[in-house]
């Protein structure tokens, strides 16, 4: 058996934009409801939603039936948590709150086996199809995608160095935390925030790394795509449900 090819990684490397949806409701049933909607990727969140390794596993198993990639955001840049996610078959990672090239390098090392990294070895995992994938340890690195999240002014100042780390496939700008870091919490459309994001996105692109972002503002989403975003999340499942419920209740 051959390892599963990572079409999401290939797409952003080749310059093909990937549209995504943030999924935070933390269960396989709601994830399946959006898996067939036509998005290229779904973000399964562990940082700001009540997911754990078991619920992520259930969602991965559900998504496997659909032509959509799973991108998992662990709660932290933690090699132990990342190791567990690798073993259950996660191929795409969004690592939060990366502040420096050293922290980006740690994230990359967490997904690589020695001597290039620190990933622990286990032969009978879901990632290896329980030992059926031929030469998994030799081939898996090409199919694992590492996206790192920059979300503070300090991180923006380090973008050039972060982008230069071998194994960083994309850099995601976190507008919520960034607005707070810049002194404008919750003001995602403040001119200073918007200008900082634009500059960062262009800097990331100039380094040959794929930029990405989340925004529920459709006008901004189109703007960032035109600017060069390669993986753009254009909504959040909980937000879609809540606002649709609000609208329906208001009508009646």
Protein backbone atom coordinates (compact mmCIF):
# COMPACT_ATOMS: atom_id res chain seq x y z
CA UNK A 1 0.00 0.00 0.00
CA UNK A 2 1.23 3.48 -0.91
CA UNK A 3 0.99 6.51 1.34
CA UNK A 4 -1.95 8.86 0.75
CA UNK A 5 -0.93 11.80 -1.44
CA UNK A 6 -1.42 15.24 0.04
CA UNK A 7 -3.31 17.13 -2.65
CA UNK A 8 -3.71 20.19 -0.42
CA UNK A 9 0.06 20.57 -0.05
CA UNK A 10 0.57 20.07 -3.78
CA UNK A 11 -2.06 22.68 -4.58
CA UNK A 12 -0.64 25.48 -2.43
CA UNK A 13 2.87 24.66 -3.64
CA UNK A 14 1.76 24.95 -7.26
CA UNK A 15 -0.11 28.23 -6.72
CA UNK A 16 -3.64 26.84 -6.84
CA UNK A 17 -5.81 28.65 -4.31
CA UNK A 18 -7.60 26.50 -1.74
CA UNK A 19 -10.84 27.75 -0.17
CA UNK A 20 -11.58 26.56 3.33
CA UNK A 21 -14.01 26.55 6.23
CA UNK A 22 -13.20 26.71 9.94
CA UNK A 23 -14.96 23.89 11.81
CA UNK A 24 -15.25 24.37 15.57
CA UNK A 25 -18.35 22.42 16.61
CA UNK A 26 -16.12 19.50 17.53
CA UNK A 27 -18.12 16.50 16.35
CA UNK A 28 -18.16 14.28 13.31
CA UNK A 29 -21.84 14.82 12.51
CA UNK A 30 -21.57 18.58 12.00
CA UNK A 31 -18.27 18.11 10.20
CA UNK A 32 -19.88 15.69 7.76
CA UNK A 33 -22.64 18.24 7.10
CA UNK A 34 -20.06 20.68 5.68
CA UNK A 35 -17.58 18.16 4.26
CA UNK A 36 -19.59 17.78 1.06
CA UNK A 37 -20.23 21.49 0.54
CA UNK A 38 -17.38 21.95 -1.93
CA UNK A 39 -14.59 23.44 0.16
CA UNK A 40 -11.02 22.38 -0.56
CA UNK A 41 -10.11 22.12 3.12
CA UNK A 42 -11.66 22.12 6.56
CA UNK A 43 -9.83 23.41 9.62
CA UNK A 44 -10.36 21.13 12.61
CA UNK A 45 -9.62 23.31 15.61
CA UNK A 46 -8.15 22.21 18.93
CA UNK A 47 -7.03 25.64 20.12
CA UNK A 48 -10.36 27.40 20.55
CA UNK A 49 -12.87 24.56 20.49
CA UNK A 50 -13.47 21.51 22.74
CA UNK A 51 -11.76 19.00 20.42
CA UNK A 52 -9.34 16.37 21.67
CA UNK A 53 -7.41 13.63 19.87
CA UNK A 54 -10.38 11.27 19.94
CA UNK A 55 -12.86 13.76 18.46
CA UNK A 56 -10.32 14.75 15.81
CA UNK A 57 -9.93 11.07 14.90
CA UNK A 58 -13.69 10.72 14.43
CA UNK A 59 -13.77 13.79 12.20
CA UNK A 60 -10.82 12.54 10.12
CA UNK A 61 -12.63 9.25 9.57
CA UNK A 62 -15.74 11.13 8.48
CA UNK A 63 -13.92 13.51 6.15
CA UNK A 64 -12.10 10.61 4.47
CA UNK A 65 -15.24 9.85 2.47
CA UNK A 66 -15.23 13.32 0.87
CA UNK A 67 -12.87 15.13 -1.54
CA UNK A 68 -11.80 17.68 1.08
CA UNK A 69 -8.54 18.03 3.03
CA UNK A 70 -8.35 18.17 6.80
CA UNK A 71 -6.07 20.78 8.35
CA UNK A 72 -5.70 20.38 12.11
CA UNK A 73 -4.75 23.16 14.48
CA UNK A 74 -3.37 21.74 17.75
CA UNK A 75 -3.75 23.79 20.89
CA UNK A 76 -0.05 24.66 20.94
CA UNK A 77 3.29 24.05 19.26
CA UNK A 78 3.66 20.92 21.33
CA UNK A 79 5.67 17.95 19.96
CA UNK A 80 3.74 15.50 22.15
CA UNK A 81 0.33 16.59 20.89
CA UNK A 82 1.63 16.80 17.32
CA UNK A 83 3.01 13.26 17.61
CA UNK A 84 -0.41 11.90 18.56
CA UNK A 85 -2.06 13.72 15.67
CA UNK A 86 0.53 12.40 13.22
CA UNK A 87 -0.14 8.85 14.38
CA UNK A 88 -3.89 9.15 13.75
CA UNK A 89 -3.19 10.28 10.20
CA UNK A 90 -3.09 14.08 10.21
CA UNK A 91 -1.10 15.33 7.21
CA UNK A 92 -1.79 19.07 7.39
CA UNK A 93 -0.96 21.10 10.49
CA UNK A 94 -1.64 24.72 11.39
CA UNK A 95 0.64 25.47 14.34
CA UNK A 96 -0.59 28.45 16.41
CA UNK A 97 1.36 31.35 17.89
CA UNK A 98 4.71 30.87 16.19
CA UNK A 99 6.84 33.84 17.17
CA UNK A 100 10.29 33.15 15.75
CA UNK A 101 12.32 31.06 13.30
CA UNK A 102 13.34 28.84 16.22
CA UNK A 103 9.72 28.07 17.05
CA UNK A 104 8.97 27.40 13.37
CA UNK A 105 11.92 25.02 13.26
CA UNK A 106 10.58 23.21 16.34
CA UNK A 107 7.25 22.72 14.58
CA UNK A 108 8.97 21.23 11.55
CA UNK A 109 11.13 18.94 13.68
CA UNK A 110 8.00 17.69 15.43
CA UNK A 111 6.67 16.18 12.18
CA UNK A 112 9.98 14.66 11.04
CA UNK A 113 11.67 11.47 12.12
CA UNK A 114 15.28 11.48 13.35
CA UNK A 115 17.86 12.47 12.37
CA UNK A 116 16.02 15.45 10.79
CA UNK A 117 13.47 15.72 13.58
CA UNK A 118 12.16 14.40 16.88
CA UNK A 119 9.02 12.45 15.92
CA UNK A 120 8.71 9.19 17.80
CA UNK A 121 8.50 5.92 15.88
CA UNK A 122 5.47 3.65 15.97
CA UNK A 123 4.82 1.20 13.14
CA UNK A 124 1.19 0.23 13.76
CA UNK A 125 -0.72 3.49 13.49
CA UNK A 126 -3.61 4.79 11.42
CA UNK A 127 -1.07 6.94 9.56
CA UNK A 128 0.68 3.80 8.31
CA UNK A 129 -2.60 1.97 7.66
CA UNK A 130 -1.57 -0.17 10.61
CA UNK A 131 1.72 -1.20 9.05
CA UNK A 132 0.51 -1.62 5.47
CA UNK A 133 2.10 1.50 3.93
CA UNK A 134 5.39 0.63 2.26
CA UNK A 135 8.38 2.64 3.58
CA UNK A 136 6.18 5.07 5.46
CA UNK A 137 9.12 6.58 7.37
CA UNK A 138 10.89 7.38 4.11
CA UNK A 139 7.90 8.81 2.23
CA UNK A 140 5.77 10.56 4.86
CA UNK A 141 7.75 13.80 5.03
CA UNK A 142 6.79 14.71 1.46
CA UNK A 143 3.12 14.31 2.31
CA UNK A 144 3.09 16.29 5.57
CA UNK A 145 2.32 20.00 5.34
CA UNK A 146 3.37 22.48 8.03
CA UNK A 147 1.58 25.81 8.20
CA UNK A 148 2.61 28.18 10.98
CA UNK A 149 0.44 30.92 12.40
CA UNK A 150 1.77 34.44 13.00
CA UNK A 151 -0.51 36.60 15.09
CA UNK A 152 1.52 39.29 16.87
CA UNK A 153 3.69 42.23 15.91
CA UNK A 154 6.74 40.34 17.19
CA UNK A 155 5.91 37.48 14.82
CA UNK A 156 5.40 39.85 11.90
CA UNK A 157 8.85 41.28 12.56
CA UNK A 158 10.24 37.75 12.19
CA UNK A 159 8.30 36.72 9.08
CA UNK A 160 11.32 36.70 6.78
CA UNK A 161 13.22 34.34 9.08
CA UNK A 162 10.18 32.15 9.70
CA UNK A 163 9.58 31.82 5.97
CA UNK A 164 13.19 30.74 5.44
CA UNK A 165 12.88 27.63 7.63
CA UNK A 166 13.07 24.46 5.58
CA UNK A 167 9.80 22.58 5.95
CA UNK A 168 7.53 25.59 6.49
CA UNK A 169 5.02 25.25 3.65
CA UNK A 170 2.78 28.17 4.51
CA UNK A 171 2.32 31.06 6.92
CA UNK A 172 -1.14 31.86 8.20
CA UNK A 173 -1.98 35.31 9.53
CA UNK A 174 -4.27 35.27 12.56
CA UNK A 175 -6.22 38.54 12.30
CA UNK A 176 -7.97 38.28 15.68
CA UNK A 177 -4.89 37.98 17.86
CA UNK A 178 -2.97 40.32 15.58
CA UNK A 179 -5.54 43.09 16.06
CA UNK A 180 -5.15 42.72 19.83
CA UNK A 181 -1.37 42.72 19.59
CA UNK A 182 -1.46 45.93 17.56
CA UNK A 183 -3.63 47.62 20.18
CA UNK A 184 -6.98 47.32 18.39
CA UNK A 185 -8.66 44.25 19.92
CA UNK A 186 -11.67 43.12 17.92
CA UNK A 187 -11.18 45.86 15.33
CA UNK A 188 -10.34 43.56 12.42
CA UNK A 189 -10.94 46.30 9.85
CA UNK A 190 -8.91 49.00 11.56
CA UNK A 191 -6.61 50.58 8.95
CA UNK A 192 -3.47 49.68 10.93
CA UNK A 193 -4.54 46.05 11.15
CA UNK A 194 -5.44 45.85 7.46
CA UNK A 195 -2.20 47.50 6.38
CA UNK A 196 -0.15 45.14 8.56
CA UNK A 197 -1.88 42.11 7.09
CA UNK A 198 -1.37 43.30 3.52
CA UNK A 199 2.34 43.93 4.11
CA UNK A 200 2.79 40.58 5.80
CA UNK A 201 1.01 38.70 3.05
CA UNK A 202 3.15 40.30 0.36
CA UNK A 203 6.31 39.58 2.37
CA UNK A 204 5.36 35.92 2.79
CA UNK A 205 4.61 35.59 -0.92
CA UNK A 206 7.93 37.20 -1.84
CA UNK A 207 9.75 34.47 0.09
CA UNK A 208 8.14 31.73 -1.98
CA UNK A 209 5.94 30.49 0.88
CA UNK A 210 2.15 30.19 0.69
CA UNK A 211 0.25 32.88 2.64
CA UNK A 212 -3.10 32.14 4.25
CA UNK A 213 -5.78 33.79 6.36
CA UNK A 214 -9.26 33.47 7.90
CA UNK A 215 -11.94 36.10 7.38
CA UNK A 216 -15.70 35.98 7.44
CA UNK A 217 -15.84 39.23 5.48
CA UNK A 218 -16.47 38.31 1.85
CA UNK A 219 -15.04 41.54 0.47
CA UNK A 220 -11.85 41.06 2.47
CA UNK A 221 -11.67 37.41 1.47
CA UNK A 222 -11.67 38.34 -2.23
CA UNK A 223 -9.09 41.05 -1.51
CA UNK A 224 -6.72 38.62 0.20
CA UNK A 225 -7.12 36.05 -2.55
CA UNK A 226 -6.25 38.69 -5.14
CA UNK A 227 -3.30 39.72 -2.99
CA UNK A 228 -1.95 36.18 -3.07
CA UNK A 229 -3.50 34.16 -0.27
CA UNK A 230 -3.15 30.50 -1.18
CA UNK A 231 -5.36 29.00 1.54
CA UNK A 232 -8.24 31.21 2.65
CA UNK A 233 -10.85 30.22 5.22
CA UNK A 234 -13.99 32.18 4.40
CA UNK A 235 -16.22 31.29 7.34
CA UNK A 236 -16.71 29.40 10.61
CA UNK A 237 -19.27 26.64 11.07
CA UNK A 238 -20.49 27.94 14.44
CA UNK A 239 -20.88 31.43 13.02
CA UNK A 240 -22.83 30.19 10.01
CA UNK A 241 -25.20 28.25 12.26
CA UNK A 242 -25.65 31.03 14.81
CA UNK A 243 -26.25 33.82 12.29
CA UNK A 244 -28.66 31.70 10.23
CA UNK A 245 -30.55 30.84 13.42
CA UNK A 246 -30.62 34.53 14.41
CA UNK A 247 -31.98 35.50 11.02
CA UNK A 248 -34.67 32.83 11.00
CA UNK A 249 -35.82 33.63 14.53
CA UNK A 250 -35.92 37.36 13.76
CA UNK A 251 -38.07 36.76 10.68
CA UNK A 252 -40.73 35.02 12.74
